[in-house]
Amino acid sequence: MAQADNAFANLPGDQYVLELAHADNAALDAPAVPRGKVYKLHLRQNGAEHWLLLWGPFDSIESARAARDEIAAQGVTSGWPRRVAPLQAEARHATE
C-alpha cells in the first residue's frame, strides 16, 4: 500500500527515490518492494493533475541504482533515481 503525500513530505530532502509508475489519476497500484516504502505523490504540472508512485528512500544515488537493478530482476520497471527535495517542492507547489 502506498503512503500518502504527507509521509513523503517528511522524508529527508537529500535522499533518493525511484519512480515506479505515473498516471493522470490516483488509480495506481503499488507493486511489492523488497524494502522501504512506496509513496503516492500528487503533482500539478502545466494545469494537469499527475500522480507518481515513488519507492524509497535511499541514502545515496548508488544505493538507489542498486535497488533499481534489484527490482528489475523481479520484473518491475522503474525510472532513474530522483532526489527527494525537488519532488517535495513540486508537491508543495501543487497544493498552493
C-alpha atoms as a PDB file:
ATOM      1  CA  MET A   1       0.000   0.000   0.000  1.00  0.00           C
ATOM      2  CA  ALA A   2       1.317   3.440  -0.897  1.00  0.00           C
ATOM      3  CA  GLN A   3       1.951   6.051   1.766  1.00  0.00           C
ATOM      4  CA  ALA A   4       0.210   9.444   1.475  1.00  0.00           C
ATOM      5  CA  ASP A   5       1.812  12.706   0.306  1.00  0.00           C
ATOM      6  CA  ASN A   6       2.372  13.919   3.890  1.00  0.00           C
ATOM      7  CA  ALA A   7       4.624  10.930   4.664  1.00  0.00           C
ATOM      8  CA  PHE A   8       6.710  11.826   1.614  1.00  0.00           C
ATOM      9  CA  ALA A   9       6.900  15.461   2.760  1.00  0.00           C
ATOM     10  CA  ASN A  10       8.632  14.306   5.965  1.00  0.00           C
ATOM     11  CA  LEU A  11      11.481  12.471   4.191  1.00  0.00           C
ATOM     12  CA  PRO A  12      14.982  13.994   4.297  1.00  0.00           C
ATOM     13  CA  GLY A  13      15.388  16.055   1.129  1.00  0.00           C
ATOM     14  CA  ASP A  14      18.895  14.768   0.402  1.00  0.00           C
ATOM     15  CA  GLN A  15      17.720  11.187  -0.073  1.00  0.00           C
ATOM     16  CA  TYR A  16      16.640   9.500  -3.311  1.00  0.00           C
ATOM     17  CA  VAL A  17      13.578   7.666  -4.624  1.00  0.00           C
ATOM     18  CA  LEU A  18      12.779   5.660  -7.741  1.00  0.00           C
ATOM     19  CA  GLU A  19       9.679   6.350  -9.817  1.00  0.00           C
ATOM     20  CA  LEU A  20       7.727   3.117 -10.235  1.00  0.00           C
ATOM     21  CA  ALA A  21       4.729   4.488 -12.139  1.00  0.00           C
ATOM     22  CA  HIS A  22       2.898   7.659 -13.109  1.00  0.00           C
ATOM     23  CA  ALA A  23      -0.654   8.415 -14.198  1.00  0.00           C
ATOM     24  CA  ASP A  24      -3.157  11.199 -14.749  1.00  0.00           C
ATOM     25  CA  ASN A  25      -5.343   9.840 -11.938  1.00  0.00           C
ATOM     26  CA  ALA A  26      -4.830   8.384  -8.493  1.00  0.00           C
ATOM     27  CA  ALA A  27      -5.627   4.805  -9.556  1.00  0.00           C
ATOM     28  CA  LEU A  28      -2.089   3.468  -9.208  1.00  0.00           C
ATOM     29  CA  ASP A  29      -1.342   0.097  -7.668  1.00  0.00           C
ATOM     30  CA  ALA A  30       1.861  -0.214  -5.706  1.00  0.00           C
ATOM     31  CA  PRO A  31       3.992  -3.243  -6.547  1.00  0.00           C
ATOM     32  CA  ALA A  32       5.616  -5.271  -3.808  1.00  0.00           C
ATOM     33  CA  VAL A  33       9.061  -3.900  -2.982  1.00  0.00           C
ATOM     34  CA  PRO A  34      11.767  -5.753  -1.064  1.00  0.00           C
ATOM     35  CA  ARG A  35      12.283  -2.944   1.494  1.00  0.00           C
ATOM     36  CA  GLY A  36      11.469   0.704   2.071  1.00  0.00           C
ATOM     37  CA  LYS A  37       8.094   2.203   1.240  1.00  0.00           C
ATOM     38  CA  VAL A  38       6.069   3.191  -1.783  1.00  0.00           C
ATOM     39  CA  TYR A  39       4.759   6.749  -1.757  1.00  0.00           C
ATOM     40  CA  LYS A  40       1.896   8.114  -3.861  1.00  0.00           C
ATOM     41  CA  LEU A  41       2.644  11.728  -4.736  1.00  0.00           C
ATOM     42  CA  HIS A  42       0.144  14.156  -6.265  1.00  0.00           C
ATOM     43  CA  LEU A  43       1.539  16.856  -8.555  1.00  0.00           C
ATOM     44  CA  ARG A  44       0.027  19.537 -10.754  1.00  0.00           C
ATOM     45  CA  GLN A  45       2.041  20.321 -13.890  1.00  0.00           C
ATOM     46  CA  ASN A  46       1.003  22.725 -16.630  1.00  0.00           C
ATOM     47  CA  GLY A  47      -2.535  22.779 -15.225  1.00  0.00           C
ATOM     48  CA  ALA A  48      -2.879  18.985 -15.343  1.00  0.00           C
ATOM     49  CA  GLU A  49      -3.101  16.522 -12.459  1.00  0.00           C
ATOM     50  CA  HIS A  50      -0.377  13.862 -12.154  1.00  0.00           C
ATOM     51  CA  TRP A  51       0.328  11.099  -9.651  1.00  0.00           C
ATOM     52  CA  LEU A  52       3.602   9.300  -9.104  1.00  0.00           C
ATOM     53  CA  LEU A  53       4.429   6.095  -7.278  1.00  0.00           C
ATOM     54  CA  LEU A  54       7.840   6.501  -5.717  1.00  0.00           C
ATOM     55  CA  TRP A  55       9.903   3.865  -3.918  1.00  0.00           C
ATOM     56  CA  GLY A  56      12.463   4.705  -1.281  1.00  0.00           C
ATOM     57  CA  PRO A  57      14.019   6.381   0.440  1.00  0.00           C
ATOM     58  CA  PHE A  58      17.622   5.567  -0.420  1.00  0.00           C
ATOM     59  CA  ASP A  59      20.600   7.243   1.254  1.00  0.00           C
ATOM     60  CA  SER A  60      22.644   7.695  -1.920  1.00  0.00           C
ATOM     61  CA  ILE A  61      22.298   7.633  -5.665  1.00  0.00           C
ATOM     62  CA  GLU A  62      24.397   4.463  -5.686  1.00  0.00           C
ATOM     63  CA  SER A  63      22.014   2.647  -3.335  1.00  0.00           C
ATOM     64  CA  ALA A  64      19.049   3.814  -5.432  1.00  0.00           C
ATOM     65  CA  ARG A  65      20.708   2.480  -8.585  1.00  0.00           C
ATOM     66  CA  ALA A  66      21.395  -0.848  -6.862  1.00  0.00           C
ATOM     67  CA  ALA A  67      17.737  -1.036  -5.786  1.00  0.00           C
ATOM     68  CA  ARG A  68      16.632  -0.287  -9.377  1.00  0.00           C
ATOM     69  CA  ASP A  69      18.723  -3.226 -10.576  1.00  0.00           C
ATOM     70  CA  GLU A  70      17.339  -5.423  -7.798  1.00  0.00           C
ATOM     71  CA  ILE A  71      13.702  -4.668  -8.588  1.00  0.00           C
ATOM     72  CA  ALA A  72      14.331  -5.005 -12.341  1.00  0.00           C
ATOM     73  CA  ALA A  73      15.451  -8.583 -11.651  1.00  0.00           C
ATOM     74  CA  GLN A  74      11.945  -9.129 -10.214  1.00  0.00           C
ATOM     75  CA  GLY A  75      10.359  -7.836 -13.428  1.00  0.00           C
ATOM     76  CA  VAL A  76       9.435  -4.351 -12.172  1.00  0.00           C
ATOM     77  CA  THR A  77      10.497  -1.420 -14.335  1.00  0.00           C
ATOM     78  CA  SER A  78      11.447   1.803 -12.599  1.00  0.00           C
ATOM     79  CA  GLY A  79      12.762   5.193 -13.590  1.00  0.00           C
ATOM     80  CA  TRP A  80      16.022   6.892 -12.730  1.00  0.00           C
ATOM     81  CA  PRO A  81      16.875   7.853  -9.160  1.00  0.00           C
ATOM     82  CA  ARG A  82      15.466  11.241  -8.191  1.00  0.00           C
ATOM     83  CA  ARG A  83      16.418  13.424  -5.251  1.00  0.00           C
ATOM     84  CA  VAL A  84      13.561  13.861  -2.770  1.00  0.00           C
ATOM     85  CA  ALA A  85      13.807  17.657  -2.200  1.00  0.00           C
ATOM     86  CA  PRO A  86      12.800  18.788  -5.730  1.00  0.00           C
ATOM     87  CA  LEU A  87       9.824  16.412  -5.685  1.00  0.00           C
ATOM     88  CA  GLN A  88       8.775  17.753  -2.280  1.00  0.00           C
ATOM     89  CA  ALA A  89       8.935  21.292  -3.699  1.00  0.00           C
ATOM     90  CA  GLU A  90       6.761  20.271  -6.675  1.00  0.00           C
ATOM     91  CA  ALA A  91       4.231  18.657  -4.331  1.00  0.00           C
ATOM     92  CA  ARG A  92       4.068  21.792  -2.156  1.00  0.00           C
ATOM     93  CA  HIS A  93       3.526  23.891  -5.262  1.00  0.00           C
ATOM     94  CA  ALA A  94       0.643  21.608  -6.303  1.00  0.00           C
ATOM     95  CA  THR A  95      -1.241  22.411  -3.070  1.00  0.00           C
ATOM     96  CA  GLU A  96      -0.906  26.195  -3.392  1.00  0.00           C
END
